[in-house]
C-alpha atoms as a PDB file:
ATOM      1  CA  MET A   1     139.563  70.146 154.307  1.00  0.00           C
ATOM      2  CA  GLY A   2     137.130  72.854 156.404  1.00  0.00           C
ATOM      3  CA  ILE A   3     138.130  76.494 155.111  1.00  0.00           C
ATOM      4  CA  LEU A   4     138.661  73.978 151.692  1.00  0.00           C
ATOM      5  CA  ALA A   5     135.577  72.612 152.083  1.00  0.00           C
ATOM      6  CA  GLY A   6     134.140  76.051 153.124  1.00  0.00           C
ATOM      7  CA  ILE A   7     135.538  77.989 149.765  1.00  0.00           C
ATOM      8  CA  GLY A   8     133.613  75.411 147.287  1.00  0.00           C
ATOM      9  CA  VAL A   9     129.695  75.238 148.925  1.00  0.00           C
ATOM     10  CA  LEU A  10     130.876  79.215 148.299  1.00  0.00           C
ATOM     11  CA  VAL A  11     132.100  78.866 144.927  1.00  0.00           C
ATOM     12  CA  PRO A  12     129.327  79.323 142.175  1.00  0.00           C
ATOM     13  CA  PHE A  13     127.945  82.408 143.779  1.00  0.00           C
ATOM     14  CA  PRO A  14     130.264  85.403 142.769  1.00  0.00           C
ATOM     15  CA  PHE A  15     129.863  83.665 139.499  1.00  0.00           C
ATOM     16  CA  TYR A  16     126.253  84.249 139.742  1.00  0.00           C
ATOM     17  CA  TYR A  17     126.464  87.674 140.969  1.00  0.00           C
ATOM     18  CA  ILE A  18     128.675  88.949 138.276  1.00  0.00           C
ATOM     19  CA  LEU A  19     126.724  86.844 135.054  1.00  0.00           C
ATOM     20  CA  TRP A  20     123.912  88.686 136.983  1.00  0.00           C
ATOM     21  CA  THR A  21     125.785  92.460 137.463  1.00  0.00           C
ATOM     22  CA  TYR A  22     127.471  92.000 134.169  1.00  0.00           C
ATOM     23  CA  PRO A  23     125.303  90.622 131.496  1.00  0.00           C
ATOM     24  CA  GLN A  24     127.113  92.975 128.407  1.00  0.00           C
ATOM     25  CA  SER A  25     129.730  90.986 129.663  1.00  0.00           C
ATOM     26  CA  TRP A  26     129.246  87.657 129.904  1.00  0.00           C
ATOM     27  CA  LEU A  27     127.070  87.623 126.508  1.00  0.00           C
ATOM     28  CA  ASN A  28     131.073  89.472 124.847  1.00  0.00           C
ATOM     29  CA  LEU A  29     132.708  86.638 125.909  1.00  0.00           C
ATOM     30  CA  CYS A  30     130.626  83.733 124.980  1.00  0.00           C
ATOM     31  CA  GLY A  31     130.893  85.604 121.572  1.00  0.00           C
ATOM     32  CA  LYS A  32     128.632  85.694 117.990  1.00  0.00           C
ATOM     33  CA  GLY A  33     126.414  81.949 117.650  1.00  0.00           C
ATOM     34  CA  ARG A  34     127.388  80.870 121.880  1.00  0.00           C
ATOM     35  CA  ASP A  35     123.880  80.827 124.041  1.00  0.00           C
ATOM     36  CA  PRO A  36     125.297  82.649 126.728  1.00  0.00           C
ATOM     37  CA  SER A  37     122.229  80.757 128.868  1.00  0.00           C
ATOM     38  CA  LYS A  38     124.147  77.526 128.354  1.00  0.00           C
ATOM     39  CA  VAL A  39     127.135  78.261 128.531  1.00  0.00           C
ATOM     40  CA  MET A  40     126.411  78.682 131.186  1.00  0.00           C
ATOM     41  CA  ALA A  41     124.237  76.660 132.497  1.00  0.00           C
ATOM     42  CA  LEU A  42     127.626  74.408 131.589  1.00  0.00           C
ATOM     43  CA  VAL A  43     129.261  76.100 133.785  1.00  0.00           C
ATOM     44  CA  SER A  44     126.654  76.207 136.854  1.00  0.00           C
ATOM     45  CA  HIS A  45     126.957  72.577 136.610  1.00  0.00           C
ATOM     46  CA  PHE A  46     130.586  72.217 136.524  1.00  0.00           C
ATOM     47  CA  LEU A  47     130.575  74.718 140.082  1.00  0.00           C
ATOM     48  CA  LYS A  48     128.160  72.343 141.502  1.00  0.00           C
ATOM     49  CA  LEU A  49     129.482  69.247 141.425  1.00  0.00           C
ATOM     50  CA  VAL A  50     132.708  71.763 143.106  1.00  0.00           C
ATOM     51  CA  GLN A  51     129.450  72.263 146.315  1.00  0.00           C
ATOM     52  CA  PHE A  52     128.864  68.523 145.845  1.00  0.00           C
ATOM     53  CA  ILE A  53     132.689  67.320 146.845  1.00  0.00           C
ATOM     54  CA  SER A  54     132.496  69.796 148.744  1.00  0.00           C
ATOM     55  CA  LEU A  55     130.117  69.044 150.688  1.00  0.00           C
ATOM     56  CA  PHE A  56     130.712  64.661 150.469  1.00  0.00           C
ATOM     57  CA  SER A  57     134.428  65.681 152.041  1.00  0.00           C
ATOM     58  CA  VAL A  58     133.132  66.556 155.754  1.00  0.00           C
ATOM     59  CA  SER A  59     129.489  64.624 155.432  1.00  0.00           C
ATOM     60  CA  SER A  60     129.267  61.470 157.988  1.00  0.00           C
ATOM     61  CA  LEU A  61     127.076  58.981 156.195  1.00  0.00           C
ATOM     62  CA  SER A  62     124.163  56.050 157.281  1.00  0.00           C
ATOM     63  CA  TRP A  63     121.921  54.560 156.066  1.00  0.00           C
ATOM     64  CA  PRO A  64     118.273  55.089 156.746  1.00  0.00           C
ATOM     65  CA  PRO A  65     117.978  58.212 157.041  1.00  0.00           C
ATOM     66  CA  PRO A  66     115.630  60.756 159.184  1.00  0.00           C
ATOM     67  CA  LEU A  67     112.449  60.489 158.646  1.00  0.00           C
ATOM     68  CA  HIS A  68     111.872  64.629 158.259  1.00  0.00           C
ATOM     69  CA  PHE A  69     115.252  63.553 155.161  1.00  0.00           C
ATOM     70  CA  TRP A  70     111.822  62.355 152.571  1.00  0.00           C
ATOM     71  CA  PRO A  71     109.791  64.751 152.248  1.00  0.00           C
ATOM     72  CA  LEU A  72     111.821  68.269 152.710  1.00  0.00           C
ATOM     73  CA  PHE A  73     114.567  66.424 149.912  1.00  0.00           C
ATOM     74  CA  ALA A  74     111.549  65.699 147.693  1.00  0.00           C
ATOM     75  CA  PHE A  75     109.483  68.482 147.792  1.00  0.00           C
ATOM     76  CA  GLY A  76     112.666  70.463 147.466  1.00  0.00           C
ATOM     77  CA  GLN A  77     114.215  68.366 144.257  1.00  0.00           C
ATOM     78  CA  PHE A  78     110.508  68.465 142.644  1.00  0.00           C
ATOM     79  CA  LEU A  79     110.236  72.868 142.752  1.00  0.00           C
ATOM     80  CA  ASN A  80     114.096  72.847 141.415  1.00  0.00           C
ATOM     81  CA  PHE A  81     112.472  70.076 138.642  1.00  0.00           C
ATOM     82  CA  ARG A  82     109.150  71.752 137.964  1.00  0.00           C
ATOM     83  CA  VAL A  83     110.821  75.793 137.627  1.00  0.00           C
ATOM     84  CA  TYR A  84     113.386  74.094 134.846  1.00  0.00           C
ATOM     85  CA  GLN A  85     110.644  72.758 133.394  1.00  0.00           C
ATOM     86  CA  LEU A  86     107.948  75.965 133.255  1.00  0.00           C
ATOM     87  CA  LEU A  87     111.244  78.571 132.780  1.00  0.00           C
ATOM     88  CA  GLY A  88     113.302  75.723 130.110  1.00  0.00           C
ATOM     89  CA  GLU A  89     117.520  76.283 130.935  1.00  0.00           C
ATOM     90  CA  SER A  90     117.304  80.518 129.135  1.00  0.00           C
ATOM     91  CA  GLY A  91     114.402  81.038 132.410  1.00  0.00           C
ATOM     92  CA  THR A  92     116.379  79.319 134.686  1.00  0.00           C
ATOM     93  CA  TYR A  93     120.384  80.394 133.570  1.00  0.00           C
ATOM     94  CA  TYR A  94     119.278  84.315 133.623  1.00  0.00           C
ATOM     95  CA  GLY A  95     117.888  84.293 129.924  1.00  0.00           C
ATOM     96  CA  VAL A  96     116.096  87.500 130.460  1.00  0.00           C
ATOM     97  CA  ARG A  97     119.143  89.079 131.300  1.00  0.00           C
ATOM     98  CA  PHE A  98     121.567  87.979 128.646  1.00  0.00           C
ATOM     99  CA  GLY A  99     118.579  89.324 126.363  1.00  0.00           C
ATOM    100  CA  LYS A 100     116.374  86.599 125.626  1.00  0.00           C
ATOM    101  CA  ASN A 101     112.755  86.869 125.533  1.00  0.00           C
ATOM    102  CA  ILE A 102     111.734  84.955 128.853  1.00  0.00           C
ATOM    103  CA  PRO A 103     107.292  84.227 128.915  1.00  0.00           C
ATOM    104  CA  TRP A 104     106.427  85.260 132.241  1.00  0.00           C
ATOM    105  CA  VAL A 105     104.771  82.164 134.069  1.00  0.00           C
ATOM    106  CA  THR A 106     102.087  81.941 136.284  1.00  0.00           C
ATOM    107  CA  GLU A 107     101.298  78.204 136.827  1.00  0.00           C
ATOM    108  CA  PHE A 108     102.858  76.664 139.763  1.00  0.00           C
ATOM    109  CA  PRO A 109     104.808  76.761 141.609  1.00  0.00           C
ATOM    110  CA  PHE A 110     105.064  80.806 140.553  1.00  0.00           C
ATOM    111  CA  GLY A 111     103.014  82.763 141.671  1.00  0.00           C
ATOM    112  CA  PHE A 112     102.736  80.768 144.830  1.00  0.00           C
ATOM    113  CA  ILE A 113     106.084  80.393 146.615  1.00  0.00           C
ATOM    114  CA  ARG A 114     108.540  83.739 145.828  1.00  0.00           C
ATOM    115  CA  ASP A 115     111.690  82.145 144.684  1.00  0.00           C
ATOM    116  CA  PRO A 116     110.349  78.688 144.342  1.00  0.00           C
ATOM    117  CA  GLN A 117     113.812  77.480 142.237  1.00  0.00           C
ATOM    118  CA  TYR A 118     115.958  78.491 145.433  1.00  0.00           C
ATOM    119  CA  VAL A 119     113.246  77.489 148.127  1.00  0.00           C
ATOM    120  CA  GLY A 120     113.398  74.110 146.534  1.00  0.00           C
ATOM    121  CA  SER A 121     117.128  74.301 146.346  1.00  0.00           C
ATOM    122  CA  ILE A 122     117.695  75.431 150.409  1.00  0.00           C
ATOM    123  CA  MET A 123     114.620  72.877 151.814  1.00  0.00           C
ATOM    124  CA  SER A 124     117.176  69.290 149.764  1.00  0.00           C
ATOM    125  CA  LEU A 125     120.147  71.078 151.988  1.00  0.00           C
ATOM    126  CA  VAL A 126     118.212  71.154 155.167  1.00  0.00           C
ATOM    127  CA  ALA A 127     117.515  67.890 154.833  1.00  0.00           C
ATOM    128  CA  CYS A 128     121.189  66.839 154.650  1.00  0.00           C
ATOM    129  CA  LEU A 129     121.662  68.378 158.619  1.00  0.00           C
ATOM    130  CA  ALA A 130     121.692  64.241 159.303  1.00  0.00           C
ATOM    131  CA  TRP A 131     124.918  64.221 157.265  1.00  0.00           C
ATOM    132  CA  VAL A 132     126.792  66.913 156.781  1.00  0.00           C
ATOM    133  CA  PRO A 133     127.306  69.699 159.353  1.00  0.00           C
ATOM    134  CA  PHE A 134     125.276  73.019 159.603  1.00  0.00           C
ATOM    135  CA  GLN A 135     128.214  75.204 158.931  1.00  0.00           C
ATOM    136  CA  TYR A 136     128.488  74.439 155.691  1.00  0.00           C
ATOM    137  CA  ILE A 137     124.452  74.121 155.393  1.00  0.00           C
ATOM    138  CA  LEU A 138     124.129  76.971 156.561  1.00  0.00           C
ATOM    139  CA  LEU A 139     126.993  78.360 154.107  1.00  0.00           C
ATOM    140  CA  TRP A 140     125.315  77.640 151.397  1.00  0.00           C
ATOM    141  CA  SER A 141     122.002  79.027 151.827  1.00  0.00           C
ATOM    142  CA  LEU A 142     123.174  81.792 152.358  1.00  0.00           C
ATOM    143  CA  GLY A 143     124.483  81.971 149.019  1.00  0.00           C
ATOM    144  CA  TYR A 144     120.662  80.777 147.949  1.00  0.00           C
ATOM    145  CA  LEU A 145     119.573  84.130 150.161  1.00  0.00           C
ATOM    146  CA  PHE A 146     122.221  86.046 148.641  1.00  0.00           C
ATOM    147  CA  MET A 147     121.812  85.808 145.280  1.00  0.00           C
ATOM    148  CA  MET A 148     117.319  85.693 146.556  1.00  0.00           C
ATOM    149  CA  HIS A 149     118.023  89.374 147.057  1.00  0.00           C
ATOM    150  CA  VAL A 150     120.394  90.418 143.931  1.00  0.00           C
ATOM    151  CA  GLU A 151     117.974  88.676 142.070  1.00  0.00           C
ATOM    152  CA  SER A 152     115.038  90.876 143.498  1.00  0.00           C
ATOM    153  CA  THR A 153     116.214  94.117 142.262  1.00  0.00           C
ATOM    154  CA  GLU A 154     116.283  93.832 138.265  1.00  0.00           C
ATOM    155  CA  ASN A 155     116.900  96.579 135.943  1.00  0.00           C
ATOM    156  CA  PRO A 156     116.584  96.533 132.208  1.00  0.00           C
ATOM    157  CA  ALA A 157     118.216  99.028 131.366  1.00  0.00           C
ATOM    158  CA  THR A 158     121.289  97.033 132.674  1.00  0.00           C
ATOM    159  CA  CYS A 159     120.244  93.727 130.754  1.00  0.00           C
ATOM    160  CA  ALA A 160     122.302  92.571 127.523  1.00  0.00           C
ATOM    161  CA  LYS A 161     122.111  94.056 124.550  1.00  0.00           C
ATOM    162  CA  PRO A 162     122.635  90.856 122.111  1.00  0.00           C
ATOM    163  CA  LEU A 163     125.821  90.440 119.641  1.00  0.00           C
ATOM    164  CA  SER A 164     125.048  91.675 115.969  1.00  0.00           C
END
């Protein structure tokens, strides 16, 4: 089950990479009248379910969690929810790459923490180390670090042009 769990943990990252790198192809695939960020969100939620099932398959759950779990998980999820609250679905799911006008956000956590959603996600994963073997947390975290690197260089010339 280990190899399958590892693949399951990594499944979303090629999808994110392709969409970030080739946004016009995704826009064309979605077609006119379909919001590419909304479709990306739906696919991403399914891929996140695959990741969670993969982690659960190698986990050994116990109660109560270690004390470090609560602050790491709570602050990590706070960052995730705050990013989504500030950016909305289109801002979170590559709207700017799909040619949408996404306003620049400076409120916390932006301007204080670089890549706050990825940082929050990694914090939440590290919080689960008592239950999930290290190599799966590391794989998932490396996927986030890879995407942080990919998304750190944005070329406006490669953004998608809206379909007319």
